[in-house]
PDB file of N, CA and C in Angstrom:
ATOM      1  N   MET A   1       0.842  -1.174   0.000  1.00  0.00           N
ATOM      2  CA  MET A   1       0.000   0.000   0.000  1.00  0.00           C
ATOM      3  C   MET A   1       0.887   1.237   0.000  1.00  0.00           C
ATOM      4  N   ALA A   2       0.606   2.135  -0.866  1.00  0.00           N
ATOM      5  CA  ALA A   2       1.388   3.363  -0.955  1.00  0.00           C
ATOM      6  C   ALA A   2       0.517   4.550  -0.554  1.00  0.00           C
ATOM      7  N   LEU A   3       1.020   5.321   0.339  1.00  0.00           N
ATOM      8  CA  LEU A   3       0.320   6.512   0.795  1.00  0.00           C
ATOM      9  C   LEU A   3       1.163   7.710   0.375  1.00  0.00           C
ATOM     10  N   PHE A   4       0.644   8.509  -0.504  1.00  0.00           N
ATOM     11  CA  PHE A   4       1.362   9.660  -1.068  1.00  0.00           C
ATOM     12  C   PHE A   4       2.641   9.230  -1.764  1.00  0.00           C
ATOM     13  N   GLY A   5       2.655   8.059  -2.337  1.00  0.00           N
ATOM     14  CA  GLY A   5       3.818   7.567  -3.067  1.00  0.00           C
ATOM     15  C   GLY A   5       4.914   7.000  -2.180  1.00  0.00           C
ATOM     16  N   ILE A   6       4.664   6.862  -0.891  1.00  0.00           N
ATOM     17  CA  ILE A   6       5.655   6.329   0.041  1.00  0.00           C
ATOM     18  C   ILE A   6       5.312   4.870   0.311  1.00  0.00           C
ATOM     19  N   THR A   7       6.219   3.990  -0.030  1.00  0.00           N
ATOM     20  CA  THR A   7       5.977   2.568   0.205  1.00  0.00           C
ATOM     21  C   THR A   7       6.703   2.133   1.476  1.00  0.00           C
ATOM     22  N   ARG A   8       6.425   0.920   1.920  1.00  0.00           N
ATOM     23  CA  ARG A   8       7.015   0.416   3.158  1.00  0.00           C
ATOM     24  C   ARG A   8       8.534   0.369   3.099  1.00  0.00           C
ATOM     25  N   GLN A   9       9.089   0.082   1.935  1.00  0.00           N
ATOM     26  CA  GLN A   9      10.545  -0.015   1.848  1.00  0.00           C
ATOM     27  C   GLN A   9      11.206   1.326   2.120  1.00  0.00           C
ATOM     28  N   TYR A  10      10.572   2.416   1.731  1.00  0.00           N
ATOM     29  CA  TYR A  10      11.139   3.731   2.004  1.00  0.00           C
ATOM     30  C   TYR A  10      11.003   4.097   3.473  1.00  0.00           C
ATOM     31  N   VAL A  11       9.916   3.709   4.092  1.00  0.00           N
ATOM     32  CA  VAL A  11       9.727   3.997   5.514  1.00  0.00           C
ATOM     33  C   VAL A  11      10.799   3.295   6.330  1.00  0.00           C
ATOM     34  N   TRP A  12      11.092   2.043   6.032  1.00  0.00           N
ATOM     35  CA  TRP A  12      12.103   1.307   6.777  1.00  0.00           C
ATOM     36  C   TRP A  12      13.509   1.833   6.486  1.00  0.00           C
ATOM     37  N   ALA A  13      13.713   2.476   5.371  1.00  0.00           N
ATOM     38  CA  ALA A  13      15.018   3.064   5.062  1.00  0.00           C
ATOM     39  C   ALA A  13      15.186   4.416   5.758  1.00  0.00           C
ATOM     40  N   ILE A  14      14.109   5.147   5.934  1.00  0.00           N
ATOM     41  CA  ILE A  14      14.176   6.476   6.532  1.00  0.00           C
ATOM     42  C   ILE A  14      14.175   6.412   8.058  1.00  0.00           C
ATOM     43  N   LEU A  15      13.581   5.389   8.631  1.00  0.00           N
ATOM     44  CA  LEU A  15      13.450   5.276  10.079  1.00  0.00           C
ATOM     45  C   LEU A  15      14.782   5.347  10.832  1.00  0.00           C
ATOM     46  N   PRO A  16      15.827   4.600  10.467  1.00  0.00           N
ATOM     47  CA  PRO A  16      17.107   4.717  11.185  1.00  0.00           C
ATOM     48  C   PRO A  16      17.740   6.107  11.053  1.00  0.00           C
ATOM     49  N   ALA A  17      17.634   6.699   9.894  1.00  0.00           N
ATOM     50  CA  ALA A  17      18.206   8.038   9.702  1.00  0.00           C
ATOM     51  C   ALA A  17      17.480   9.064  10.561  1.00  0.00           C
ATOM     52  N   THR A  18      16.173   8.928  10.674  1.00  0.00           N
ATOM     53  CA  THR A  18      15.399   9.832  11.515  1.00  0.00           C
ATOM     54  C   THR A  18      15.777   9.652  12.983  1.00  0.00           C
ATOM     55  N   GLY A  19      15.938   8.421  13.420  1.00  0.00           N
ATOM     56  CA  GLY A  19      16.356   8.152  14.792  1.00  0.00           C
ATOM     57  C   GLY A  19      17.734   8.726  15.090  1.00  0.00           C
ATOM     58  N   PHE A  20      18.652   8.622  14.125  1.00  0.00           N
ATOM     59  CA  PHE A  20      19.981   9.190  14.299  1.00  0.00           C
ATOM     60  C   PHE A  20      19.906  10.702  14.439  1.00  0.00           C
ATOM     61  N   CYS A  21      19.120  11.354  13.606  1.00  0.00           N
ATOM     62  CA  CYS A  21      18.994  12.818  13.654  1.00  0.00           C
ATOM     63  C   CYS A  21      18.373  13.279  14.967  1.00  0.00           C
ATOM     64  N   ILE A  22      17.380  12.586  15.446  1.00  0.00           N
ATOM     65  CA  ILE A  22      16.757  12.953  16.726  1.00  0.00           C
ATOM     66  C   ILE A  22      17.757  12.761  17.864  1.00  0.00           C
ATOM     67  N   GLY A  23      18.499  11.669  17.860  1.00  0.00           N
ATOM     68  CA  GLY A  23      19.506  11.425  18.883  1.00  0.00           C
ATOM     69  C   GLY A  23      20.611  12.461  18.861  1.00  0.00           C
ATOM     70  N   TRP A  24      21.062  12.841  17.679  1.00  0.00           N
ATOM     71  CA  TRP A  24      22.096  13.863  17.544  1.00  0.00           C
ATOM     72  C   TRP A  24      21.605  15.199  18.095  1.00  0.00           C
ATOM     73  N   PHE A  25      20.361  15.553  17.770  1.00  0.00           N
ATOM     74  CA  PHE A  25      19.782  16.804  18.256  1.00  0.00           C
ATOM     75  C   PHE A  25      19.678  16.806  19.778  1.00  0.00           C
ATOM     76  N   LEU A  26      19.194  15.710  20.360  1.00  0.00           N
ATOM     77  CA  LEU A  26      19.066  15.638  21.814  1.00  0.00           C
ATOM     78  C   LEU A  26      20.432  15.670  22.501  1.00  0.00           C
ATOM     79  N   ASP A  27      21.430  15.044  21.908  1.00  0.00           N
ATOM     80  CA  ASP A  27      22.774  15.068  22.471  1.00  0.00           C
ATOM     81  C   ASP A  27      23.342  16.484  22.466  1.00  0.00           C
ATOM     82  N   ARG A  28      23.133  17.206  21.377  1.00  0.00           N
ATOM     83  CA  ARG A  28      23.601  18.599  21.310  1.00  0.00           C
ATOM     84  C   ARG A  28      22.908  19.470  22.346  1.00  0.00           C
ATOM     85  N   LYS A  29      21.599  19.277  22.546  1.00  0.00           N
ATOM     86  CA  LYS A  29      20.857  20.044  23.540  1.00  0.00           C
ATOM     87  C   LYS A  29      21.340  19.719  24.958  1.00  0.00           C
ATOM     88  N   GLU A  30      21.649  18.453  25.240  1.00  0.00           N
ATOM     89  CA  GLU A  30      22.136  18.070  26.562  1.00  0.00           C
ATOM     90  C   GLU A  30      23.510  18.683  26.824  1.00  0.00           C
ATOM     91  N   THR A  31      24.383  18.688  25.825  1.00  0.00           N
ATOM     92  CA  THR A  31      25.689  19.319  25.977  1.00  0.00           C
ATOM     93  C   THR A  31      25.533  20.811  26.225  1.00  0.00           C
ATOM     94  N   GLU A  32      24.622  21.444  25.501  1.00  0.00           N
ATOM     95  CA  GLU A  32      24.355  22.871  25.693  1.00  0.00           C
ATOM     96  C   GLU A  32      23.844  23.144  27.106  1.00  0.00           C
ATOM     97  N   ARG A  33      23.000  22.273  27.620  1.00  0.00           N
ATOM     98  CA  ARG A  33      22.455  22.445  28.962  1.00  0.00           C
ATOM     99  C   ARG A  33      23.536  22.250  30.025  1.00  0.00           C
ATOM    100  N   MET A  34      24.426  21.291  29.818  1.00  0.00           N
ATOM    101  CA  MET A  34      25.442  20.989  30.810  1.00  0.00           C
ATOM    102  C   MET A  34      26.563  22.024  30.860  1.00  0.00           C
ATOM    103  N   THR A  35      26.664  22.911  29.876  1.00  0.00           N
ATOM    104  CA  THR A  35      27.699  23.935  29.920  1.00  0.00           C
ATOM    105  C   THR A  35      27.483  24.910  31.074  1.00  0.00           C
ATOM    106  N   MET A  36      26.279  24.960  31.632  1.00  0.00           N
ATOM    107  CA  MET A  36      26.034  25.818  32.794  1.00  0.00           C
ATOM    108  C   MET A  36      26.849  25.347  33.997  1.00  0.00           C
ATOM    109  N   PHE A  37      27.160  24.059  34.076  1.00  0.00           N
ATOM    110  CA  PHE A  37      27.843  23.481  35.225  1.00  0.00           C
ATOM    111  C   PHE A  37      29.328  23.256  34.982  1.00  0.00           C
ATOM    112  N   ARG A  38      29.824  23.701  33.863  1.00  0.00           N
ATOM    113  CA  ARG A  38      31.219  23.477  33.492  1.00  0.00           C
ATOM    114  C   ARG A  38      32.160  24.168  34.489  1.00  0.00           C
ATOM    115  N   ASP A  39      33.160  23.447  34.959  1.00  0.00           N
ATOM    116  CA  ASP A  39      34.180  23.925  35.904  1.00  0.00           C
ATOM    117  C   ASP A  39      33.590  24.400  37.227  1.00  0.00           C
ATOM    118  N   LYS A  40      32.472  23.843  37.656  1.00  0.00           N
ATOM    119  CA  LYS A  40      31.858  24.260  38.906  1.00  0.00           C
ATOM    120  C   LYS A  40      31.670  23.116  39.899  1.00  0.00           C
ATOM    121  N   SER A  41      32.183  21.943  39.608  1.00  0.00           N
ATOM    122  CA  SER A  41      31.987  20.832  40.533  1.00  0.00           C
ATOM    123  C   SER A  41      32.893  21.008  41.749  1.00  0.00           C
ATOM    124  N   ALA A  42      32.513  20.401  42.867  1.00  0.00           N
ATOM    125  CA  ALA A  42      33.300  20.496  44.091  1.00  0.00           C
ATOM    126  C   ALA A  42      34.631  19.754  43.953  1.00  0.00           C
ATOM    127  N   LEU A  43      34.657  18.697  43.165  1.00  0.00           N
ATOM    128  CA  LEU A  43      35.873  17.904  43.027  1.00  0.00           C
ATOM    129  C   LEU A  43      36.853  18.497  42.014  1.00  0.00           C
ATOM    130  N   TYR A  44      36.344  18.926  40.853  1.00  0.00           N
ATOM    131  CA  TYR A  44      37.212  19.381  39.776  1.00  0.00           C
ATOM    132  C   TYR A  44      37.144  20.883  39.531  1.00  0.00           C
ATOM    133  N   GLY A  45      36.278  21.577  40.215  1.00  0.00           N
ATOM    134  CA  GLY A  45      36.093  23.001  39.941  1.00  0.00           C
ATOM    135  C   GLY A  45      37.286  23.836  40.348  1.00  0.00           C
ATOM    136  N   ARG A  46      37.551  24.870  39.605  1.00  0.00           N
ATOM    137  CA  ARG A  46      38.621  25.812  39.922  1.00  0.00           C
ATOM    138  C   ARG A  46      38.316  27.121  39.220  1.00  0.00           C
ATOM    139  N   GLU A  47      38.977  28.157  39.648  1.00  0.00           N
ATOM    140  CA  GLU A  47      38.816  29.459  39.002  1.00  0.00           C
ATOM    141  C   GLU A  47      39.652  29.492  37.736  1.00  0.00           C
ATOM    142  N   LEU A  48      39.064  29.944  36.662  1.00  0.00           N
ATOM    143  CA  LEU A  48      39.788  30.046  35.401  1.00  0.00           C
ATOM    144  C   LEU A  48      40.502  31.396  35.342  1.00  0.00           C
ATOM    145  N   GLY A  49      41.679  31.367  34.797  1.00  0.00           N
ATOM    146  CA  GLY A  49      42.431  32.593  34.640  1.00  0.00           C
ATOM    147  C   GLY A  49      41.859  33.425  33.500  1.00  0.00           C
ATOM    148  N   PRO A  50      42.273  34.673  33.397  1.00  0.00           N
ATOM    149  CA  PRO A  50      41.777  35.522  32.307  1.00  0.00           C
ATOM    150  C   PRO A  50      42.242  34.984  30.950  1.00  0.00           C
ATOM    151  N   GLY A  51      41.298  34.811  30.048  1.00  0.00           N
ATOM    152  CA  GLY A  51      41.592  34.320  28.709  1.00  0.00           C
ATOM    153  C   GLY A  51      41.775  32.819  28.631  1.00  0.00           C
ATOM    154  N   GLU A  52      41.601  32.103  29.717  1.00  0.00           N
ATOM    155  CA  GLU A  52      41.776  30.648  29.710  1.00  0.00           C
ATOM    156  C   GLU A  52      40.488  29.981  29.215  1.00  0.00           C
ATOM    157  N   ALA A  53      40.665  28.999  28.353  1.00  0.00           N
ATOM    158  CA  ALA A  53      39.512  28.292  27.786  1.00  0.00           C
ATOM    159  C   ALA A  53      38.894  27.358  28.828  1.00  0.00           C
ATOM    160  N   PRO A  54      37.599  27.079  28.724  1.00  0.00           N
ATOM    161  CA  PRO A  54      36.976  26.112  29.636  1.00  0.00           C
ATOM    162  C   PRO A  54      37.574  24.723  29.436  1.00  0.00           C
ATOM    163  N   SER A  55      37.341  23.848  30.422  1.00  0.00           N
ATOM    164  CA  SER A  55      37.950  22.523  30.372  1.00  0.00           C
ATOM    165  C   SER A  55      37.367  21.646  29.274  1.00  0.00           C
ATOM    166  N   TRP A  56      36.153  21.899  28.842  1.00  0.00           N
ATOM    167  CA  TRP A  56      35.547  21.139  27.745  1.00  0.00           C
ATOM    168  C   TRP A  56      34.564  22.037  27.013  1.00  0.00           C
ATOM    169  N   PRO A  57      34.339  21.741  25.742  1.00  0.00           N
ATOM    170  CA  PRO A  57      33.471  22.635  24.956  1.00  0.00           C
ATOM    171  C   PRO A  57      32.086  22.513  25.355  1.00  0.00           C
TER     172      PRO A  57
END
């Protein structure tokens, strides 16, 4: 059965790519959210010098 010209074989080919894109997007958002806590932990936190890059992007 084709709905708008899309057959089952195309759906099964697009599904993994869509899952990868959603996972990549969520991973980027989580990294963006975690930058608020960068270099602030009690164990590894320290004051950064002027012009010094953060410990991770």
